Amino acid sequence: MDRDGVAVVPEAAADIAVGKRPSGLHALRNPGFRWYFLGQIASASGTFVQQTAIAWLVLQLTGSAAALGVVLAVGGLPSLILGPWGGVVADRFDLRRLLLVTQTIQGGLAGVLTVMGATGYVSVVAVVALNVVGGVVQIVDSPARQAFVPQLVPPDDLASAASVNGVVMNSARVVGPAVAGVLIATVGTTACFAVNTVSYLAVIAALAMIRPLSTATRAGSSDGLGEGLRYVRAHQQLWLPLAMMALVGLVSFNFPVILPVFAQSTFHGTGTTYSLLSVMLSVGSVVGSLAVGQIPHPRRIYLVGASLAFGVALAATAAAPNLVFACILLAVSGATGFCFVTLASVALQLHAEPQYRGRVMALWVFVFIGTTPIGSIVMGWVTGSGGPRVALLIAAGAAVVAAGAAAFVRTPPHPDEYLRQPPVADR
């Protein structure tokens, strides 16, 4: 036990004592995180299997790309409107129990879709309704999952844990659609929904077996969103990564909008070309996520460097003379981009005090994911008007501007505390 009564895994304490640098997968030495990791592998893969199948199903039912865009967008609207308030809920309840509830509901929604597909009663209206309900649940689920990780690992393993989570998500982006393609071609979309339903059983089982290293006192907290915003505003270690992510997330992370046009109009390719570009981006993202696991405590210079490198890589991609160079440069873009994302996430989790962590991570989810509908519309218009190369250059500019602005922000009064050590309450 440490001086604040928080249990520390013996091996972790030994490594901290001798100053040993953890490896990118070091977080897996913690039993609770191992269970969480296994559950996330199943859940993330199942989610991308279902998302791919839903897109194919809606196109079959409507034959309209516009209808598909609407169906995909409605799931993100609840987070865009109410996202920050999800953190208030996360800060008032035990996170493990809260996640058991949200994951059970999400699994139930996948089960309903499976039954509707098997009985032939599935429709676009039903898919939209289920997406909206799932989006509402996601308002609470996303910040709760982000805030739960620091309860499973000691502070020096948090970067590794975020790295591992990034690897899981980016690998699922490749594996999920591939599995969905095989299932759709052989047995149909309903099997994809069934796979996702079963995947939630793994998550629920993992959560049931986890015993966190620490549990912050949360229940009964009367603080609301306003108090959380004031807390973030008072700590540069928090508002700076959020501000950087707001700009980069809104403008620079719109690959699903840009890459299809990049593949088709720039390189005169097909769906296979688009798939190749997406896979290279995901492969780079996995590498970038793993690299961050080597950095126990991200500092501002790392955030600035990663954002700047991301911008340079995007600009180089915009100038790619052929498909081969585009694939290589997209892999670099994925690596640098997700280095930045993971570093910013780790900085927030390390420096947010436990009683505020849910609200801080809700703001993180909002600036990274909740703004997607707005960013998609803006960058979709840019891509359609000026072409994908112009869109990539604007995306690059946003990342460079974020890096430059952060580099010239005035250092806090106590620079030794800035993005260097976790809060005392978490040691």
Protein backbone atom coordinates (compact mmCIF):
# COMPACT_ATOMS: atom_id res chain seq x y z
CA MET A 1 0.00 0.00 0.00
CA ASP A 2 1.26 3.52 -0.69
CA ARG A 3 0.92 6.54 1.55
CA ASP A 4 -2.59 7.21 0.30
CA GLY A 5 -3.75 3.65 0.82
CA VAL A 6 -3.68 2.70 -2.86
CA ALA A 7 -2.56 -0.83 -3.57
CA VAL A 8 0.48 -1.12 -5.84
CA VAL A 9 1.48 -4.30 -7.63
CA PRO A 10 4.86 -5.42 -6.14
CA GLU A 11 6.57 -5.74 -9.51
CA ALA A 12 5.44 -2.25 -10.47
CA ALA A 13 6.76 -0.79 -7.23
CA ALA A 14 10.12 -2.48 -7.82
CA ASP A 15 10.40 -1.09 -11.32
CA ILE A 16 9.51 2.41 -10.15
CA ALA A 17 12.06 2.17 -7.37
CA VAL A 18 14.93 1.29 -9.67
CA GLY A 19 13.79 3.63 -12.43
CA LYS A 20 13.29 0.81 -14.93
CA ARG A 21 11.68 1.95 -18.18
CA PRO A 22 8.56 -0.15 -18.85
CA SER A 23 8.03 -1.87 -22.16
CA GLY A 24 5.10 -1.09 -24.41
CA LEU A 25 3.19 -4.14 -23.13
CA HIS A 26 4.21 -3.76 -19.50
CA ALA A 27 0.65 -3.00 -18.36
CA LEU A 28 -0.33 -6.62 -19.05
CA ARG A 29 1.53 -7.72 -15.92
CA ASN A 30 -1.45 -6.37 -13.92
CA PRO A 31 -4.11 -9.13 -13.60
CA GLY A 32 -7.08 -6.77 -13.73
CA PHE A 33 -5.83 -5.09 -16.86
CA ARG A 34 -5.16 -8.46 -18.50
CA TRP A 35 -8.82 -9.40 -18.06
CA TYR A 36 -9.88 -5.99 -19.35
CA PHE A 37 -7.54 -6.36 -22.34
CA LEU A 38 -9.01 -9.74 -23.29
CA GLY A 39 -12.54 -8.38 -23.06
CA GLN A 40 -11.64 -5.38 -25.19
CA ILE A 41 -10.14 -7.57 -27.91
CA ALA A 42 -13.46 -9.38 -28.30
CA SER A 43 -15.62 -6.27 -27.95
CA ALA A 44 -13.69 -4.03 -30.35
CA SER A 45 -13.53 -6.70 -33.05
CA GLY A 46 -17.25 -7.42 -32.67
CA THR A 47 -18.07 -3.72 -32.90
CA PHE A 48 -16.27 -3.27 -36.21
CA VAL A 49 -17.81 -6.48 -37.56
CA GLN A 50 -21.27 -5.08 -36.83
CA GLN A 51 -20.50 -1.58 -38.15
CA THR A 52 -19.36 -3.03 -41.46
CA ALA A 53 -22.44 -5.23 -41.69
CA ILE A 54 -24.79 -2.34 -40.89
CA ALA A 55 -23.28 -0.27 -43.69
CA TRP A 56 -23.77 -3.13 -46.15
CA LEU A 57 -27.32 -3.81 -44.89
CA VAL A 58 -28.41 -0.18 -45.24
CA LEU A 59 -27.04 -0.01 -48.77
CA GLN A 60 -28.97 -3.19 -49.61
CA LEU A 61 -32.19 -1.81 -48.15
CA THR A 62 -32.00 1.69 -49.63
CA GLY A 63 -29.44 1.69 -52.45
CA SER A 64 -28.56 5.20 -51.30
CA ALA A 65 -25.20 6.45 -50.08
CA ALA A 66 -26.96 9.52 -48.64
CA ALA A 67 -29.18 7.29 -46.50
CA LEU A 68 -26.11 5.41 -45.32
CA GLY A 69 -24.49 8.69 -44.29
CA VAL A 70 -27.54 9.66 -42.25
CA VAL A 71 -27.71 6.28 -40.51
CA LEU A 72 -24.03 6.41 -39.57
CA ALA A 73 -24.27 10.03 -38.39
CA VAL A 74 -27.24 9.64 -36.05
CA GLY A 75 -25.28 7.39 -33.71
CA GLY A 76 -22.85 10.22 -33.05
CA LEU A 77 -25.46 12.93 -32.45
CA PRO A 78 -26.11 12.09 -28.76
CA SER A 79 -22.38 12.46 -28.00
CA LEU A 80 -22.25 15.73 -29.94
CA ILE A 81 -25.19 17.16 -27.96
CA LEU A 82 -24.80 15.62 -24.50
CA GLY A 83 -21.32 14.05 -24.48
CA PRO A 84 -19.70 16.13 -21.70
CA TRP A 85 -22.51 15.27 -19.26
CA GLY A 86 -21.63 11.58 -19.49
CA GLY A 87 -18.58 12.28 -17.35
CA VAL A 88 -20.80 13.62 -14.54
CA VAL A 89 -22.48 10.21 -14.36
CA ALA A 90 -19.12 8.41 -14.52
CA ASP A 91 -17.82 10.45 -11.58
CA ARG A 92 -20.81 9.56 -9.39
CA PHE A 93 -20.83 5.77 -9.65
CA ASP A 94 -18.48 2.85 -9.24
CA LEU A 95 -16.95 2.50 -12.69
CA ARG A 96 -16.80 -1.29 -12.83
CA ARG A 97 -20.49 -1.62 -11.99
CA LEU A 98 -21.40 1.21 -14.33
CA LEU A 99 -19.55 -0.50 -17.19
CA LEU A 100 -21.31 -3.78 -16.43
CA VAL A 101 -24.61 -1.95 -16.98
CA THR A 102 -23.59 -0.08 -20.15
CA GLN A 103 -21.95 -3.11 -21.75
CA THR A 104 -24.99 -5.27 -20.95
CA ILE A 105 -27.26 -2.74 -22.63
CA GLN A 106 -24.99 -2.54 -25.67
CA GLY A 107 -24.95 -6.33 -25.91
CA GLY A 108 -28.74 -6.36 -25.63
CA LEU A 109 -29.05 -3.89 -28.52
CA ALA A 110 -26.83 -6.13 -30.66
CA GLY A 111 -29.02 -9.07 -29.66
CA VAL A 112 -32.17 -7.22 -30.74
CA LEU A 113 -30.61 -6.48 -34.11
CA THR A 114 -29.66 -10.16 -34.45
CA VAL A 115 -33.20 -11.31 -33.74
CA MET A 116 -34.65 -8.75 -36.14
CA GLY A 117 -32.27 -9.87 -38.87
CA ALA A 118 -33.04 -13.55 -38.28
CA THR A 119 -36.80 -12.98 -38.39
CA GLY A 120 -36.73 -10.66 -41.39
CA TYR A 121 -38.11 -7.63 -39.55
CA VAL A 122 -35.00 -5.48 -39.79
CA SER A 123 -35.49 -2.07 -41.39
CA VAL A 124 -33.66 1.23 -41.78
CA VAL A 125 -35.92 2.83 -39.15
CA ALA A 126 -35.06 0.07 -36.70
CA VAL A 127 -31.33 0.42 -37.37
CA VAL A 128 -31.55 4.19 -36.84
CA ALA A 129 -33.46 3.72 -33.57
CA LEU A 130 -30.93 1.21 -32.27
CA ASN A 131 -28.05 3.50 -33.29
CA VAL A 132 -29.58 6.41 -31.39
CA VAL A 133 -30.12 4.31 -28.23
CA GLY A 134 -26.58 2.98 -28.54
CA GLY A 135 -25.29 6.54 -28.93
CA VAL A 136 -27.05 7.57 -25.72
CA VAL A 137 -25.46 4.66 -23.83
CA GLN A 138 -22.10 5.59 -25.35
CA ILE A 139 -22.32 9.03 -23.69
CA VAL A 140 -21.67 7.33 -20.34
CA ASP A 141 -19.80 4.25 -21.53
CA SER A 142 -16.92 6.01 -23.32
CA PRO A 143 -15.70 8.26 -20.47
CA ALA A 144 -16.28 5.45 -17.97
CA ARG A 145 -14.01 3.11 -19.98
CA GLN A 146 -11.33 5.79 -20.25
CA ALA A 147 -11.49 6.63 -16.53
CA PHE A 148 -11.50 2.95 -15.49
CA VAL A 149 -8.04 2.15 -16.89
CA PRO A 150 -6.11 4.13 -14.21
CA GLN A 151 -7.84 1.96 -11.58
CA LEU A 152 -6.30 -1.17 -13.13
CA VAL A 153 -2.63 -0.18 -13.36
CA PRO A 154 -0.14 1.86 -11.30
CA PRO A 155 0.76 5.31 -12.71
CA ASP A 156 3.99 4.18 -14.39
CA ASP A 157 2.06 1.58 -16.39
CA LEU A 158 -0.65 3.96 -17.60
CA ALA A 159 1.14 4.89 -20.83
CA SER A 160 1.58 1.19 -21.56
CA ALA A 161 -2.12 0.56 -20.85
CA ALA A 162 -3.19 3.34 -23.21
CA SER A 163 -0.74 1.97 -25.78
CA VAL A 164 -2.22 -1.52 -25.51
CA ASN A 165 -5.75 -0.14 -25.83
CA GLY A 166 -4.69 1.73 -28.97
CA VAL A 167 -3.25 -1.45 -30.44
CA VAL A 168 -6.50 -3.30 -29.71
CA MET A 169 -8.69 -0.66 -31.35
CA ASN A 170 -6.52 -0.16 -34.42
CA SER A 171 -6.07 -3.90 -34.94
CA ALA A 172 -9.84 -4.33 -34.69
CA ARG A 173 -10.27 -1.75 -37.47
CA VAL A 174 -8.44 -4.18 -39.76
CA VAL A 175 -9.68 -7.53 -38.41
CA GLY A 176 -13.33 -6.57 -37.90
CA PRO A 177 -14.15 -5.51 -41.47
CA ALA A 178 -12.21 -8.51 -42.85
CA VAL A 179 -14.23 -10.94 -40.73
CA ALA A 180 -17.43 -9.13 -41.66
CA GLY A 181 -16.60 -9.43 -45.35
CA VAL A 182 -16.24 -13.20 -45.06
CA LEU A 183 -19.45 -13.57 -43.05
CA ILE A 184 -21.49 -11.33 -45.34
CA ALA A 185 -20.31 -13.25 -48.39
CA THR A 186 -21.04 -16.68 -46.87
CA VAL A 187 -23.93 -16.44 -44.37
CA GLY A 188 -25.18 -12.86 -44.45
CA THR A 189 -25.28 -9.78 -42.21
CA THR A 190 -27.27 -11.37 -39.39
CA ALA A 191 -24.29 -13.56 -38.48
CA CYS A 192 -22.23 -10.38 -38.02
CA PHE A 193 -24.75 -9.05 -35.54
CA ALA A 194 -24.66 -12.37 -33.70
CA VAL A 195 -20.86 -12.24 -33.47
CA ASN A 196 -21.06 -8.79 -31.91
CA THR A 197 -23.70 -9.96 -29.43
CA VAL A 198 -21.50 -12.83 -28.28
CA SER A 199 -18.47 -10.53 -28.01
CA TYR A 200 -20.18 -8.58 -25.24
CA LEU A 201 -20.35 -11.74 -23.14
CA ALA A 202 -16.53 -11.71 -23.04
CA VAL A 203 -16.50 -8.08 -21.86
CA ILE A 204 -19.11 -8.69 -19.17
CA ALA A 205 -17.27 -11.79 -17.94
CA ALA A 206 -13.98 -9.85 -17.79
CA LEU A 207 -15.56 -6.98 -15.84
CA ALA A 208 -17.10 -9.46 -13.41
CA MET A 209 -13.67 -10.95 -12.65
CA ILE A 210 -11.72 -7.69 -12.37
CA ARG A 211 -10.70 -6.38 -8.98
CA PRO A 212 -9.28 -2.85 -9.44
CA LEU A 213 -6.04 -1.82 -7.74
CA SER A 214 -7.82 1.26 -6.44
CA THR A 215 -11.33 2.67 -6.40
CA ALA A 216 -11.82 6.36 -5.90
CA THR A 217 -14.72 7.50 -3.74
CA ARG A 218 -17.25 8.66 -6.29
CA ALA A 219 -20.80 7.93 -5.18
CA GLY A 220 -22.70 10.90 -3.80
CA SER A 221 -20.57 13.54 -5.49
CA SER A 222 -22.64 16.67 -6.02
CA ASP A 223 -20.26 18.40 -8.43
CA GLY A 224 -21.63 18.88 -11.91
CA LEU A 225 -20.27 19.65 -15.36
CA GLY A 226 -19.60 23.28 -14.49
CA GLU A 227 -17.27 22.30 -11.68
CA GLY A 228 -15.48 19.90 -14.00
CA LEU A 229 -15.00 22.64 -16.61
CA ARG A 230 -13.60 25.00 -13.98
CA TYR A 231 -11.22 22.29 -12.82
CA VAL A 232 -9.94 21.74 -16.37
CA ARG A 233 -9.59 25.46 -17.01
CA ALA A 234 -7.43 25.83 -13.88
CA HIS A 235 -4.93 23.15 -14.99
CA GLN A 236 -2.87 23.67 -18.12
CA GLN A 237 -1.89 19.98 -17.98
CA LEU A 238 -5.53 19.26 -18.86
CA TRP A 239 -6.84 22.06 -21.03
CA LEU A 240 -3.84 22.16 -23.35
CA PRO A 241 -4.11 18.52 -24.56
CA LEU A 242 -7.88 18.98 -24.88
CA ALA A 243 -7.48 22.17 -26.92
CA MET A 244 -4.93 20.53 -29.20
CA MET A 245 -7.17 17.49 -29.69
CA ALA A 246 -10.19 19.70 -30.41
CA LEU A 247 -8.41 21.24 -33.42
CA VAL A 248 -6.65 18.09 -34.61
CA GLY A 249 -9.70 15.87 -34.10
CA LEU A 250 -12.07 18.26 -35.86
CA VAL A 251 -9.93 18.82 -38.95
CA SER A 252 -7.16 16.24 -39.20
CA PHE A 253 -8.85 12.94 -38.32
CA ASN A 254 -11.36 12.69 -41.16
CA PHE A 255 -9.80 9.81 -43.07
CA PRO A 256 -13.13 8.01 -43.76
CA VAL A 257 -14.20 11.10 -45.73
CA ILE A 258 -10.92 11.79 -47.54
CA LEU A 259 -9.47 8.35 -48.31
CA PRO A 260 -12.29 6.99 -50.54
CA VAL A 261 -11.99 10.05 -52.79
CA PHE A 262 -8.19 9.92 -52.59
CA ALA A 263 -8.28 6.33 -53.83
CA GLN A 264 -10.84 6.91 -56.55
CA SER A 265 -10.11 10.34 -58.01
CA THR A 266 -6.38 10.72 -57.35
CA PHE A 267 -5.17 7.19 -58.11
CA HIS A 268 -8.16 6.07 -60.23
CA GLY A 269 -8.53 3.01 -58.02
CA THR A 270 -11.36 0.80 -56.83
CA GLY A 271 -12.71 -0.32 -53.49
CA THR A 272 -9.62 -2.50 -53.16
CA THR A 273 -7.43 0.61 -53.41
CA TYR A 274 -9.42 2.29 -50.67
CA SER A 275 -9.12 -0.81 -48.52
CA LEU A 276 -5.35 -0.87 -49.04
CA LEU A 277 -5.00 2.77 -47.98
CA SER A 278 -7.14 2.15 -44.88
CA VAL A 279 -5.13 -0.92 -43.90
CA MET A 280 -1.83 0.97 -44.21
CA LEU A 281 -3.21 3.76 -42.02
CA SER A 282 -4.29 1.20 -39.41
CA VAL A 283 -0.96 -0.62 -39.50
CA GLY A 284 0.83 2.65 -38.83
CA SER A 285 -1.62 3.40 -36.02
CA VAL A 286 -0.74 0.12 -34.30
CA VAL A 287 2.97 0.95 -34.51
CA GLY A 288 2.37 4.44 -33.14
CA SER A 289 0.28 3.17 -30.25
CA LEU A 290 2.97 0.64 -29.31
CA ALA A 291 5.70 3.29 -29.42
CA VAL A 292 3.93 5.47 -26.85
CA GLY A 293 4.08 2.63 -24.34
CA GLN A 294 7.78 3.37 -23.93
CA ILE A 295 7.03 6.83 -22.45
CA PRO A 296 5.89 6.57 -18.79
CA HIS A 297 5.07 10.28 -18.33
CA PRO A 298 4.35 12.35 -21.47
CA ARG A 299 5.53 15.94 -21.40
CA ARG A 300 4.41 18.90 -23.46
CA ILE A 301 7.38 18.61 -25.81
CA TYR A 302 6.23 15.09 -26.75
CA LEU A 303 2.73 16.34 -27.57
CA VAL A 304 4.14 19.18 -29.65
CA GLY A 305 6.56 16.88 -31.47
CA ALA A 306 3.92 14.25 -32.24
CA SER A 307 1.42 16.81 -33.53
CA LEU A 308 4.08 18.47 -35.68
CA ALA A 309 5.23 15.12 -37.09
CA PHE A 310 1.60 14.23 -37.85
CA GLY A 311 1.16 17.45 -39.78
CA VAL A 312 4.34 16.92 -41.78
CA ALA A 313 3.33 13.34 -42.61
CA LEU A 314 -0.11 14.46 -43.80
CA ALA A 315 1.42 17.15 -45.98
CA ALA A 316 3.79 14.60 -47.50
CA THR A 317 0.84 12.26 -48.12
CA ALA A 318 -0.97 15.06 -49.95
CA ALA A 319 2.01 15.33 -52.31
CA ALA A 320 2.42 11.56 -52.83
CA PRO A 321 3.23 10.99 -56.54
CA ASN A 322 1.83 7.46 -56.68
CA LEU A 323 -0.03 4.81 -54.73
CA VAL A 324 3.10 3.18 -53.29
CA PHE A 325 4.31 6.43 -51.72
CA ALA A 326 0.77 7.19 -50.54
CA CYS A 327 0.61 3.84 -48.70
CA ILE A 328 3.98 4.38 -47.03
CA LEU A 329 3.19 7.95 -46.02
CA LEU A 330 -0.26 6.99 -44.71
CA ALA A 331 1.41 4.42 -42.47
CA VAL A 332 3.67 7.20 -41.15
CA SER A 333 0.62 9.44 -40.72
CA GLY A 334 -1.15 6.73 -38.76
CA ALA A 335 1.89 6.18 -36.52
CA THR A 336 2.46 9.86 -35.74
CA GLY A 337 -1.23 10.66 -35.44
CA PHE A 338 -1.94 7.94 -32.93
CA CYS A 339 1.25 8.74 -31.05
CA PHE A 340 -0.27 12.16 -30.47
CA VAL A 341 -3.71 10.78 -29.56
CA THR A 342 -2.32 8.27 -27.07
CA LEU A 343 0.09 10.76 -25.51
CA ALA A 344 -2.72 13.28 -24.98
CA SER A 345 -5.00 10.61 -23.49
CA VAL A 346 -2.29 9.45 -21.08
CA ALA A 347 -1.55 13.03 -20.02
CA LEU A 348 -5.21 13.58 -19.15
CA GLN A 349 -5.56 10.31 -17.24
CA LEU A 350 -2.35 10.92 -15.28
CA HIS A 351 -3.12 14.48 -14.26
CA ALA A 352 -6.87 14.33 -13.64
CA GLU A 353 -7.66 13.73 -9.97
CA PRO A 354 -9.86 10.64 -9.49
CA GLN A 355 -13.00 12.59 -8.50
CA TYR A 356 -12.81 14.58 -11.77
CA ARG A 357 -11.46 11.93 -14.12
CA GLY A 358 -14.82 10.92 -15.60
CA ARG A 359 -15.65 14.50 -16.58
CA VAL A 360 -12.17 15.12 -17.97
CA MET A 361 -12.32 11.98 -20.11
CA ALA A 362 -15.86 12.86 -21.23
CA LEU A 363 -14.47 16.11 -22.60
CA TRP A 364 -11.74 14.06 -24.28
CA VAL A 365 -14.29 11.80 -25.96
CA PHE A 366 -16.28 14.86 -26.99
CA VAL A 367 -13.39 16.69 -28.69
CA PHE A 368 -12.07 13.50 -30.33
CA ILE A 369 -15.24 11.62 -31.31
CA GLY A 370 -18.24 13.86 -30.58
CA THR A 371 -17.14 16.49 -33.09
CA THR A 372 -16.89 13.89 -35.88
CA PRO A 373 -20.24 14.82 -37.50
CA ILE A 374 -19.16 18.47 -37.81
CA GLY A 375 -15.67 17.63 -39.02
CA SER A 376 -17.00 15.13 -41.53
CA ILE A 377 -19.35 17.71 -43.04
CA VAL A 378 -16.67 20.41 -43.24
CA MET A 379 -13.94 18.19 -44.64
CA GLY A 380 -16.42 16.47 -46.93
CA TRP A 381 -17.19 19.86 -48.49
CA VAL A 382 -13.45 20.67 -48.73
CA THR A 383 -12.71 17.31 -50.33
CA GLY A 384 -15.55 17.71 -52.82
CA SER A 385 -14.62 21.28 -53.72
CA GLY A 386 -10.84 21.27 -53.72
CA GLY A 387 -10.01 17.58 -53.92
CA PRO A 388 -8.43 15.16 -51.43
CA ARG A 389 -4.93 16.64 -51.73
CA VAL A 390 -6.22 20.04 -50.61
CA ALA A 391 -8.15 18.39 -47.78
CA LEU A 392 -5.01 16.58 -46.60
CA LEU A 393 -3.03 19.84 -46.69
CA ILE A 394 -5.67 21.58 -44.56
CA ALA A 395 -5.61 18.62 -42.17
CA ALA A 396 -1.82 18.93 -42.02
CA GLY A 397 -2.08 22.65 -41.34
CA ALA A 398 -4.39 22.07 -38.38
CA ALA A 399 -1.93 19.65 -36.77
CA VAL A 400 0.99 22.04 -37.31
CA VAL A 401 -0.99 24.99 -35.91
CA ALA A 402 -1.90 22.94 -32.83
CA ALA A 403 1.77 22.07 -32.30
CA GLY A 404 2.91 25.67 -32.80
CA ALA A 405 0.30 27.13 -30.47
CA ALA A 406 1.12 24.60 -27.74
CA ALA A 407 4.85 25.29 -28.08
CA PHE A 408 4.36 28.99 -27.36
CA VAL A 409 1.85 28.69 -24.52
CA ARG A 410 3.27 30.18 -21.33
CA THR A 411 4.72 27.57 -18.96
CA PRO A 412 2.84 27.15 -15.65
CA PRO A 413 4.31 28.62 -12.44
CA HIS A 414 5.62 25.21 -11.39
CA PRO A 415 7.17 23.71 -14.56
CA ASP A 416 8.44 20.60 -12.73
CA GLU A 417 4.83 19.52 -12.19
CA TYR A 418 3.86 19.96 -15.83
CA LEU A 419 3.09 16.74 -17.70
CA ARG A 420 5.75 14.96 -15.75
CA GLN A 421 4.45 13.23 -12.60
CA PRO A 422 0.99 11.87 -11.73
CA PRO A 423 -1.10 13.66 -9.08
CA VAL A 424 -0.26 12.83 -5.47
CA ALA A 425 -3.76 11.42 -4.98
CA ASP A 426 -3.02 8.70 -7.52
CA ARG A 427 0.43 7.63 -6.27
